[in-house]
Amino acid sequence: MQTMQKLVCGFIVLSLLVLPVSAQEIYNVKVISAGTDWFKVIMMEIGAEDIIDGSSVELVSTLLPIHNFTLNTDFFANGGELSYSRVPFGPSSVQVNFDVTVDYELKLACMKGSLGVLTIQIWQNNILLEEYVNDLSGDWCFSNWNFFPASGLESLVDPVPNDNSLQQNYPNPFNPATSIAYSVQQAGNVKINIYNSLGQRIATLVNQQQNPGEYSIEWDGKTYSGSDAAAGVYYYELVVDDYRSARQMIMLK
């Protein structure tokens, strides 16, 4: 973690899932908190080399009186993490800006504390393209949205994947739902199974013939019986004929 400033707000998870297209676009993301008590932003772009320019992250405004604040960032090849907190803990109003590159689809999952409102704005060339607002109340306030750049929609193609693959679910940890992305190289019978920590299969999300392509399926946390799965560690498996791959995920309550 790299400490950059001092501050506070609400919790938000932002993850980016990008499908390959012809050219990347740069967007400015503005995270604006009004009276929230803590936040965290996680960013990930699958298949991209650079998503966040660490030097672009800036604290641009605060409506707080003088307090101690911490702004932490940790950037890696295809994503990064930004977290913000105030000492002493309490509601605050701040704005943090950073740049991202995205080809096709920007997936946003947002969590914050019980107080205030958290707004995510996406800008390009000084034009506001989208605005997403989380004004829910409760212990953990979760919302999610999809942003589709116009250029990405225009240049969207359906390339055949190089191989079968299973991506990490997002959000992770999650509550109450999460998305699972996977690739199918050749037409075949495809299954997505969910297992508990004892190795017992508790749900099947996909069981059908599918053509080559990129897919995504959501698990709503329900078991075969329709009941809610308990908090804990789970495993999800992709089966395409003789191919098998599995990953771990964590459900929170």
Foldseek 3Di string as FASTA:
>chain_A
DAWDFFAFFWAWEWEFEADDFDDKDKKKKKKKWDFFFWYKYWYFYPPAQFFWDVVFKDWDDWPDDDWGKTWDKDDDGGIIMITIHTPPTGTTITMIMTMTIHQFKTKTKTKTAQTTKIKMWIGDPNDTDDIDIFNHGDGIGIDMDMDTDPNNVVGDDWDFDPAWFWDDWPPFQDPQKIKTKIWHRAWAFKWKWKAAPVRHTFDIFGTGTDGGGIDMTMDRQAGPVRDHHDWDKMKMWMDGPPDIDMDIGTYDD
